[in-house]
Amino acid sequence: MKPTIFLDIDGVVTTVNEYYSNRVKFQNKHKVAQELNIPYGFNPGCVKVLNEILKLTDADIVLTSDWRTHYSLQTLDKIFKFNKVIKSPIDMTEVFPTSFQLMEKNRAHEIDIYIQKHNIELYVIIDDLDLSPYVPKNKFIMTIEREGIKQCNIKEKILKILM
């Protein structure tokens, strides 16, 4: 069975630098970003680490990010290619809110539903939200929003889970 990466975008493959960048300037510089309404690019260092993980594991990406509520899989494919990610998401978790206050609890619940529905055994959840109270701790990697997935030792931790 192929490994699965449950991937958030903001704080994982983008950092606060991209999030707070000049969005108008970004879209004016990149016409594709303007056409697809991409607010900001992915962090090149984070993309490099993600691509290394994808090359070593051939994992599938399932998107858990809020970006899934704004874009179709087809558009996300274009966004990932625009940002030079070597694989695009094959799917995204569905929106099943269980709490009006806890975004973390909702995301964990949506991932759990996906895992159960698709009988996924080999996976890692990567997010900057603290999902640890709601997901198996040995399957969860938390990033910090200013570093994302390029954070020291994160790649090794992800590979240890997936390999």
N, C-alpha and C. Protein backbone atom coordinates (compact mmCIF):
# COMPACT_ATOMS: atom_id res chain seq x y z
N MET A 1 0.84 -1.20 0.00
CA MET A 1 0.00 0.00 0.00
C MET A 1 0.88 1.25 0.00
N LYS A 2 0.50 2.20 -0.83
CA LYS A 2 1.23 3.45 -0.96
C LYS A 2 1.03 4.33 0.27
N PRO A 3 2.10 5.00 0.72
CA PRO A 3 1.93 5.92 1.86
C PRO A 3 1.14 7.17 1.46
N THR A 4 0.52 7.77 2.44
CA THR A 4 -0.29 8.97 2.22
C THR A 4 0.21 10.09 3.12
N ILE A 5 0.29 11.28 2.54
CA ILE A 5 0.61 12.48 3.30
C ILE A 5 -0.65 13.32 3.38
N PHE A 6 -1.16 13.52 4.58
CA PHE A 6 -2.26 14.45 4.80
C PHE A 6 -1.62 15.82 5.00
N LEU A 7 -1.79 16.69 4.01
CA LEU A 7 -1.01 17.91 3.92
C LEU A 7 -1.83 19.17 4.09
N ASP A 8 -1.39 20.00 5.02
CA ASP A 8 -1.87 21.37 5.15
C ASP A 8 -0.96 22.22 4.28
N ILE A 9 -1.39 23.41 3.89
CA ILE A 9 -0.54 24.28 3.08
C ILE A 9 0.06 25.40 3.93
N ASP A 10 -0.78 26.25 4.48
CA ASP A 10 -0.28 27.40 5.25
C ASP A 10 0.43 26.94 6.52
N GLY A 11 1.66 27.38 6.67
CA GLY A 11 2.47 26.97 7.82
C GLY A 11 3.20 25.66 7.60
N VAL A 12 2.99 25.03 6.43
CA VAL A 12 3.66 23.77 6.11
C VAL A 12 4.49 23.94 4.83
N VAL A 13 3.85 24.27 3.72
CA VAL A 13 4.60 24.53 2.48
C VAL A 13 4.66 26.02 2.17
N THR A 14 3.90 26.82 2.91
CA THR A 14 4.08 28.27 2.89
C THR A 14 4.45 28.67 4.31
N THR A 15 5.15 29.78 4.43
CA THR A 15 5.50 30.27 5.76
C THR A 15 4.86 31.66 5.93
N VAL A 16 5.05 32.23 7.09
CA VAL A 16 4.49 33.57 7.33
C VAL A 16 5.05 34.59 6.33
N ASN A 17 6.27 34.35 5.84
CA ASN A 17 6.85 35.26 4.85
C ASN A 17 5.98 35.34 3.59
N GLU A 18 5.53 34.19 3.10
CA GLU A 18 4.68 34.17 1.91
C GLU A 18 3.28 34.71 2.24
N TYR A 19 2.77 34.29 3.39
CA TYR A 19 1.41 34.68 3.78
C TYR A 19 1.27 36.20 3.88
N TYR A 20 2.29 36.86 4.41
CA TYR A 20 2.23 38.31 4.59
C TYR A 20 2.90 39.09 3.46
N SER A 21 3.22 38.41 2.37
CA SER A 21 3.83 39.09 1.23
C SER A 21 2.79 39.95 0.50
N ASN A 22 3.26 40.80 -0.37
CA ASN A 22 2.38 41.67 -1.15
C ASN A 22 1.68 40.83 -2.22
N ARG A 23 0.42 40.56 -2.03
CA ARG A 23 -0.33 39.66 -2.91
C ARG A 23 -0.58 40.27 -4.29
N VAL A 24 -0.80 41.56 -4.33
CA VAL A 24 -1.02 42.23 -5.62
C VAL A 24 0.26 42.17 -6.45
N LYS A 25 1.37 42.46 -5.82
CA LYS A 25 2.66 42.40 -6.48
C LYS A 25 2.94 40.98 -7.01
N PHE A 26 2.63 39.97 -6.18
CA PHE A 26 2.84 38.57 -6.55
C PHE A 26 2.00 38.22 -7.79
N GLN A 27 0.73 38.60 -7.78
CA GLN A 27 -0.15 38.28 -8.90
C GLN A 27 0.23 39.07 -10.16
N ASN A 28 0.69 40.30 -9.99
CA ASN A 28 1.13 41.08 -11.15
C ASN A 28 2.39 40.48 -11.78
N LYS A 29 3.24 39.91 -10.96
CA LYS A 29 4.49 39.30 -11.44
C LYS A 29 4.23 37.96 -12.12
N HIS A 30 3.22 37.23 -11.64
CA HIS A 30 2.92 35.89 -12.15
C HIS A 30 1.49 35.85 -12.69
N LYS A 31 1.36 35.93 -13.99
CA LYS A 31 0.02 35.95 -14.61
C LYS A 31 -0.79 34.70 -14.28
N VAL A 32 -0.12 33.55 -14.18
CA VAL A 32 -0.81 32.31 -13.83
C VAL A 32 -1.45 32.45 -12.45
N ALA A 33 -0.72 33.07 -11.53
CA ALA A 33 -1.25 33.28 -10.18
C ALA A 33 -2.49 34.16 -10.24
N GLN A 34 -2.45 35.14 -11.11
CA GLN A 34 -3.60 36.02 -11.28
C GLN A 34 -4.79 35.25 -11.86
N GLU A 35 -4.53 34.44 -12.89
CA GLU A 35 -5.59 33.65 -13.53
C GLU A 35 -6.24 32.65 -12.56
N LEU A 36 -5.41 32.01 -11.74
CA LEU A 36 -5.90 30.98 -10.82
C LEU A 36 -6.30 31.55 -9.46
N ASN A 37 -6.08 32.85 -9.28
CA ASN A 37 -6.36 33.53 -8.02
C ASN A 37 -5.56 32.92 -6.86
N ILE A 38 -4.27 32.67 -7.13
CA ILE A 38 -3.37 32.19 -6.09
C ILE A 38 -2.90 33.41 -5.29
N PRO A 39 -3.14 33.44 -3.99
CA PRO A 39 -2.80 34.63 -3.21
C PRO A 39 -1.30 34.84 -3.02
N TYR A 40 -0.53 33.73 -2.92
CA TYR A 40 0.91 33.80 -2.69
C TYR A 40 1.50 32.44 -3.04
N GLY A 41 2.81 32.43 -3.27
CA GLY A 41 3.47 31.19 -3.66
C GLY A 41 3.88 30.35 -2.46
N PHE A 42 4.27 29.13 -2.77
CA PHE A 42 4.82 28.24 -1.75
C PHE A 42 6.26 28.65 -1.48
N ASN A 43 6.76 28.32 -0.33
CA ASN A 43 8.14 28.61 0.03
C ASN A 43 9.06 27.63 -0.71
N PRO A 44 10.04 28.12 -1.48
CA PRO A 44 10.92 27.24 -2.25
C PRO A 44 11.67 26.20 -1.40
N GLY A 45 12.09 26.59 -0.21
CA GLY A 45 12.76 25.64 0.69
C GLY A 45 11.83 24.53 1.14
N CYS A 46 10.59 24.89 1.42
CA CYS A 46 9.59 23.89 1.82
C CYS A 46 9.27 22.96 0.66
N VAL A 47 9.16 23.52 -0.54
CA VAL A 47 8.89 22.71 -1.74
C VAL A 47 10.03 21.72 -1.95
N LYS A 48 11.26 22.16 -1.76
CA LYS A 48 12.43 21.29 -1.94
C LYS A 48 12.33 20.09 -0.99
N VAL A 49 12.00 20.34 0.26
CA VAL A 49 11.89 19.26 1.25
C VAL A 49 10.72 18.34 0.90
N LEU A 50 9.58 18.90 0.54
CA LEU A 50 8.43 18.08 0.17
C LEU A 50 8.77 17.21 -1.04
N ASN A 51 9.42 17.78 -2.04
CA ASN A 51 9.79 17.00 -3.22
C ASN A 51 10.76 15.87 -2.88
N GLU A 52 11.68 16.12 -1.97
CA GLU A 52 12.61 15.06 -1.54
C GLU A 52 11.84 13.92 -0.87
N ILE A 53 10.87 14.26 -0.04
CA ILE A 53 10.04 13.25 0.64
C ILE A 53 9.24 12.47 -0.40
N LEU A 54 8.65 13.17 -1.36
CA LEU A 54 7.85 12.51 -2.39
C LEU A 54 8.70 11.58 -3.25
N LYS A 55 9.92 11.99 -3.58
CA LYS A 55 10.82 11.14 -4.38
C LYS A 55 11.19 9.87 -3.62
N LEU A 56 11.45 10.00 -2.33
CA LEU A 56 11.88 8.85 -1.53
C LEU A 56 10.74 7.89 -1.18
N THR A 57 9.52 8.40 -1.07
CA THR A 57 8.41 7.57 -0.59
C THR A 57 7.34 7.28 -1.64
N ASP A 58 7.29 8.07 -2.70
CA ASP A 58 6.23 7.99 -3.71
C ASP A 58 4.84 8.11 -3.07
N ALA A 59 4.76 8.86 -1.98
CA ALA A 59 3.50 9.02 -1.25
C ALA A 59 2.49 9.81 -2.06
N ASP A 60 1.23 9.52 -1.80
CA ASP A 60 0.12 10.31 -2.34
C ASP A 60 -0.15 11.45 -1.38
N ILE A 61 -0.60 12.57 -1.94
CA ILE A 61 -0.96 13.73 -1.12
C ILE A 61 -2.48 13.83 -1.06
N VAL A 62 -3.00 13.94 0.16
CA VAL A 62 -4.41 14.24 0.38
C VAL A 62 -4.42 15.58 1.11
N LEU A 63 -5.07 16.55 0.52
CA LEU A 63 -5.05 17.91 1.06
C LEU A 63 -6.05 18.07 2.20
N THR A 64 -5.58 18.63 3.31
CA THR A 64 -6.44 18.90 4.47
C THR A 64 -6.60 20.40 4.69
N SER A 65 -5.82 21.17 3.97
CA SER A 65 -5.78 22.63 4.09
C SER A 65 -7.12 23.28 3.77
N ASP A 66 -7.32 24.48 4.32
CA ASP A 66 -8.50 25.27 3.97
C ASP A 66 -8.52 25.60 2.48
N TRP A 67 -7.38 25.50 1.80
CA TRP A 67 -7.33 25.76 0.36
C TRP A 67 -8.29 24.83 -0.38
N ARG A 68 -8.61 23.67 0.21
CA ARG A 68 -9.52 22.70 -0.44
C ARG A 68 -10.94 23.27 -0.58
N THR A 69 -11.26 24.27 0.24
CA THR A 69 -12.61 24.85 0.15
C THR A 69 -12.67 25.98 -0.87
N HIS A 70 -11.51 26.38 -1.40
CA HIS A 70 -11.45 27.48 -2.37
C HIS A 70 -11.11 27.04 -3.79
N TYR A 71 -10.51 25.84 -3.90
CA TYR A 71 -10.03 25.38 -5.21
C TYR A 71 -10.46 23.94 -5.47
N SER A 72 -10.65 23.62 -6.75
CA SER A 72 -10.91 22.24 -7.16
C SER A 72 -9.59 21.48 -7.22
N LEU A 73 -9.67 20.16 -7.31
CA LEU A 73 -8.45 19.36 -7.47
C LEU A 73 -7.71 19.73 -8.74
N GLN A 74 -8.45 20.04 -9.80
CA GLN A 74 -7.85 20.44 -11.07
C GLN A 74 -7.05 21.74 -10.91
N THR A 75 -7.63 22.71 -10.21
CA THR A 75 -6.92 23.97 -9.98
C THR A 75 -5.75 23.76 -9.04
N LEU A 76 -5.93 22.94 -8.01
CA LEU A 76 -4.83 22.64 -7.09
C LEU A 76 -3.67 21.97 -7.82
N ASP A 77 -3.97 21.14 -8.80
CA ASP A 77 -2.93 20.53 -9.62
C ASP A 77 -2.10 21.62 -10.30
N LYS A 78 -2.76 22.62 -10.86
CA LYS A 78 -2.07 23.72 -11.52
C LYS A 78 -1.26 24.54 -10.51
N ILE A 79 -1.83 24.75 -9.32
CA ILE A 79 -1.14 25.51 -8.27
C ILE A 79 0.12 24.76 -7.82
N PHE A 80 0.02 23.45 -7.61
CA PHE A 80 1.18 22.66 -7.19
C PHE A 80 2.25 22.67 -8.29
N LYS A 81 1.84 22.52 -9.54
CA LYS A 81 2.80 22.55 -10.65
C LYS A 81 3.44 23.93 -10.76
N PHE A 82 2.66 24.99 -10.62
CA PHE A 82 3.17 26.35 -10.66
C PHE A 82 4.27 26.53 -9.60
N ASN A 83 4.07 25.92 -8.45
CA ASN A 83 5.02 26.03 -7.34
C ASN A 83 6.12 24.98 -7.38
N LYS A 84 6.16 24.20 -8.48
CA LYS A 84 7.22 23.20 -8.72
C LYS A 84 7.19 22.01 -7.76
N VAL A 85 6.01 21.67 -7.26
CA VAL A 85 5.87 20.45 -6.47
C VAL A 85 5.71 19.31 -7.48
N ILE A 86 6.45 18.22 -7.30
CA ILE A 86 6.50 17.15 -8.30
C ILE A 86 5.25 16.27 -8.33
N LYS A 87 4.44 16.33 -7.32
CA LYS A 87 3.17 15.58 -7.27
C LYS A 87 2.08 16.50 -6.76
N SER A 88 0.91 16.34 -7.30
CA SER A 88 -0.24 17.13 -6.86
C SER A 88 -1.13 16.26 -5.97
N PRO A 89 -2.01 16.88 -5.21
CA PRO A 89 -2.94 16.10 -4.39
C PRO A 89 -3.81 15.20 -5.26
N ILE A 90 -4.02 13.98 -4.80
CA ILE A 90 -4.91 13.05 -5.50
C ILE A 90 -6.34 13.21 -5.00
N ASP A 91 -6.46 13.84 -3.82
CA ASP A 91 -7.78 13.98 -3.20
C ASP A 91 -7.67 15.01 -2.09
N MET A 92 -8.81 15.30 -1.48
CA MET A 92 -8.83 16.19 -0.32
C MET A 92 -9.88 15.68 0.66
N THR A 93 -9.67 15.97 1.92
CA THR A 93 -10.64 15.55 2.91
C THR A 93 -11.91 16.38 2.74
N GLU A 94 -13.02 15.76 3.10
CA GLU A 94 -14.30 16.48 3.03
C GLU A 94 -14.46 17.34 4.28
N VAL A 95 -15.33 18.32 4.17
CA VAL A 95 -15.59 19.22 5.30
C VAL A 95 -16.72 18.62 6.14
N PHE A 96 -16.38 18.23 7.37
CA PHE A 96 -17.34 17.67 8.33
C PHE A 96 -17.14 18.33 9.68
N PRO A 97 -17.58 19.57 9.85
CA PRO A 97 -17.35 20.22 11.14
C PRO A 97 -18.08 19.53 12.28
N THR A 98 -17.37 19.33 13.38
CA THR A 98 -17.96 18.74 14.58
C THR A 98 -17.95 19.73 15.73
N SER A 99 -17.18 20.80 15.55
CA SER A 99 -17.04 21.80 16.61
C SER A 99 -17.07 23.19 15.98
N PHE A 100 -17.78 24.10 16.61
CA PHE A 100 -17.81 25.47 16.11
C PHE A 100 -16.59 26.26 16.57
N GLN A 101 -15.88 25.74 17.56
CA GLN A 101 -14.77 26.49 18.14
C GLN A 101 -13.40 25.89 17.85
N LEU A 102 -13.33 24.60 17.65
CA LEU A 102 -12.04 23.95 17.53
C LEU A 102 -11.74 23.48 16.11
N MET A 103 -11.03 24.32 15.37
CA MET A 103 -10.65 23.98 14.01
C MET A 103 -9.79 22.70 14.00
N GLU A 104 -8.95 22.55 15.02
CA GLU A 104 -8.08 21.38 15.12
C GLU A 104 -8.91 20.09 15.22
N LYS A 105 -9.94 20.13 16.04
CA LYS A 105 -10.79 18.96 16.23
C LYS A 105 -11.51 18.61 14.93
N ASN A 106 -11.98 19.63 14.22
CA ASN A 106 -12.64 19.41 12.94
C ASN A 106 -11.69 18.76 11.94
N ARG A 107 -10.50 19.32 11.81
CA ARG A 107 -9.55 18.79 10.83
C ARG A 107 -9.19 17.34 11.15
N ALA A 108 -8.93 17.06 12.41
CA ALA A 108 -8.60 15.69 12.83
C ALA A 108 -9.75 14.74 12.53
N HIS A 109 -10.97 15.17 12.77
CA HIS A 109 -12.15 14.35 12.50
C HIS A 109 -12.28 14.07 11.00
N GLU A 110 -12.04 15.08 10.18
CA GLU A 110 -12.12 14.92 8.72
C GLU A 110 -11.05 13.96 8.21
N ILE A 111 -9.86 14.03 8.78
CA ILE A 111 -8.78 13.10 8.41
C ILE A 111 -9.16 11.68 8.83
N ASP A 112 -9.68 11.54 10.04
CA ASP A 112 -10.08 10.22 10.53
C ASP A 112 -11.15 9.59 9.63
N ILE A 113 -12.11 10.38 9.22
CA ILE A 113 -13.15 9.87 8.31
C ILE A 113 -12.52 9.38 7.01
N TYR A 114 -11.58 10.15 6.48
CA TYR A 114 -10.91 9.78 5.23
C TYR A 114 -10.13 8.47 5.41
N ILE A 115 -9.39 8.36 6.50
CA ILE A 115 -8.60 7.16 6.78
C ILE A 115 -9.49 5.93 6.86
N GLN A 116 -10.59 6.05 7.58
CA GLN A 116 -11.52 4.92 7.73
C GLN A 116 -12.16 4.54 6.40
N LYS A 117 -12.61 5.54 5.65
CA LYS A 117 -13.30 5.32 4.38
C LYS A 117 -12.39 4.65 3.35
N HIS A 118 -11.10 4.99 3.36
CA HIS A 118 -10.16 4.50 2.35
C HIS A 118 -9.19 3.44 2.89
N ASN A 119 -9.41 2.98 4.11
CA ASN A 119 -8.57 1.94 4.73
C ASN A 119 -7.08 2.25 4.64
N ILE A 120 -6.71 3.44 5.03
CA ILE A 120 -5.31 3.87 4.95
C ILE A 120 -4.59 3.48 6.23
N GLU A 121 -3.44 2.82 6.07
CA GLU A 121 -2.67 2.38 7.22
C GLU A 121 -1.34 3.13 7.34
N LEU A 122 -0.70 3.39 6.21
CA LEU A 122 0.60 4.05 6.22
C LEU A 122 0.43 5.51 5.84
N TYR A 123 0.53 6.39 6.84
CA TYR A 123 0.28 7.81 6.59
C TYR A 123 0.98 8.69 7.60
N VAL A 124 1.08 9.97 7.21
CA VAL A 124 1.57 11.00 8.12
C VAL A 124 0.66 12.22 7.94
N ILE A 125 0.41 12.90 9.03
CA ILE A 125 -0.37 14.14 9.01
C ILE A 125 0.60 15.28 9.31
N ILE A 126 0.67 16.25 8.38
CA ILE A 126 1.59 17.38 8.57
C ILE A 126 0.77 18.66 8.63
N ASP A 127 0.87 19.37 9.73
CA ASP A 127 0.05 20.56 9.95
C ASP A 127 0.74 21.49 10.92
N ASP A 128 0.41 22.79 10.84
CA ASP A 128 0.92 23.72 11.84
C ASP A 128 -0.08 23.91 12.97
N LEU A 129 -1.28 23.37 12.83
CA LEU A 129 -2.24 23.35 13.93
C LEU A 129 -1.88 22.18 14.84
N ASP A 130 -2.11 22.32 16.13
CA ASP A 130 -1.80 21.23 17.05
C ASP A 130 -2.95 20.23 17.06
N LEU A 131 -2.80 19.20 16.24
CA LEU A 131 -3.82 18.15 16.16
C LEU A 131 -3.53 17.01 17.13
N SER A 132 -2.43 17.10 17.87
CA SER A 132 -1.98 15.98 18.71
C SER A 132 -3.01 15.46 19.72
N PRO A 133 -3.92 16.28 20.25
CA PRO A 133 -4.92 15.70 21.16
C PRO A 133 -5.94 14.80 20.43
N TYR A 134 -5.99 14.87 19.10
CA TYR A 134 -7.06 14.22 18.35
C TYR A 134 -6.59 13.17 17.35
N VAL A 135 -5.30 13.07 17.11
CA VAL A 135 -4.77 12.11 16.13
C VAL A 135 -3.66 11.29 16.79
N PRO A 136 -3.34 10.12 16.22
CA PRO A 136 -2.23 9.34 16.79
C PRO A 136 -0.93 10.14 16.76
N LYS A 137 -0.30 10.28 17.91
CA LYS A 137 0.91 11.11 18.01
C LYS A 137 2.06 10.58 17.15
N ASN A 138 2.08 9.26 16.91
CA ASN A 138 3.15 8.67 16.11
C ASN A 138 2.91 8.83 14.60
N LYS A 139 1.82 9.50 14.22
CA LYS A 139 1.49 9.74 12.81
C LYS A 139 1.41 11.24 12.51
N PHE A 140 1.73 12.07 13.50
CA PHE A 140 1.54 13.51 13.36
C PHE A 140 2.85 14.28 13.48
N ILE A 141 3.05 15.19 12.54
CA ILE A 141 4.20 16.09 12.56
C ILE A 141 3.66 17.52 12.57
N MET A 142 4.04 18.26 13.59
CA MET A 142 3.60 19.66 13.69
C MET A 142 4.75 20.58 13.27
N THR A 143 4.43 21.49 12.36
CA THR A 143 5.42 22.48 11.92
C THR A 143 5.15 23.81 12.61
N ILE A 144 6.14 24.68 12.55
CA ILE A 144 5.92 26.04 13.03
C ILE A 144 5.78 26.94 11.80
N GLU A 145 4.85 27.87 11.86
CA GLU A 145 4.46 28.64 10.67
C GLU A 145 5.58 29.48 10.06
N ARG A 146 6.58 29.81 10.82
CA ARG A 146 7.66 30.64 10.24
C ARG A 146 8.69 29.78 9.50
N GLU A 147 8.67 28.46 9.71
CA GLU A 147 9.63 27.55 9.07
C GLU A 147 8.97 26.57 8.11
N GLY A 148 7.78 26.10 8.47
CA GLY A 148 7.12 25.09 7.65
C GLY A 148 7.88 23.77 7.66
N ILE A 149 7.73 23.03 6.58
CA ILE A 149 8.29 21.68 6.49
C ILE A 149 9.82 21.68 6.38
N LYS A 150 10.41 22.84 6.12
CA LYS A 150 11.88 22.92 6.05
C LYS A 150 12.52 23.04 7.44
N GLN A 151 11.68 23.04 8.45
CA GLN A 151 12.14 23.10 9.84
C GLN A 151 13.13 21.95 10.12
N CYS A 152 14.13 22.21 10.91
CA CYS A 152 15.17 21.24 11.23
C CYS A 152 14.60 19.91 11.71
N ASN A 153 15.05 18.82 11.11
CA ASN A 153 14.71 17.43 11.46
C ASN A 153 13.30 16.99 11.08
N ILE A 154 12.49 17.85 10.51
CA ILE A 154 11.12 17.47 10.14
C ILE A 154 11.14 16.40 9.04
N LYS A 155 11.96 16.61 8.03
CA LYS A 155 12.02 15.64 6.92
C LYS A 155 12.34 14.25 7.44
N GLU A 156 13.32 14.15 8.32
CA GLU A 156 13.72 12.85 8.87
C GLU A 156 12.59 12.21 9.66
N LYS A 157 11.85 13.01 10.41
CA LYS A 157 10.72 12.49 11.19
C LYS A 157 9.62 11.95 10.26
N ILE A 158 9.35 12.69 9.18
CA ILE A 158 8.33 12.26 8.22
C ILE A 158 8.75 10.96 7.55
N LEU A 159 10.01 10.90 7.11
CA LEU A 159 10.51 9.69 6.44
C LEU A 159 10.46 8.49 7.38
N LYS A 160 10.76 8.70 8.63
CA LYS A 160 10.72 7.60 9.62
C LYS A 160 9.31 7.02 9.73
N ILE A 161 8.31 7.88 9.64
CA ILE A 161 6.91 7.43 9.72
C ILE A 161 6.50 6.70 8.45
N LEU A 162 6.93 7.21 7.30
CA LEU A 162 6.46 6.68 6.01
C LEU A 162 7.27 5.51 5.47
N MET A 163 8.46 5.28 5.99
CA MET A 163 9.31 4.23 5.41
C MET A 163 9.49 3.05 6.36
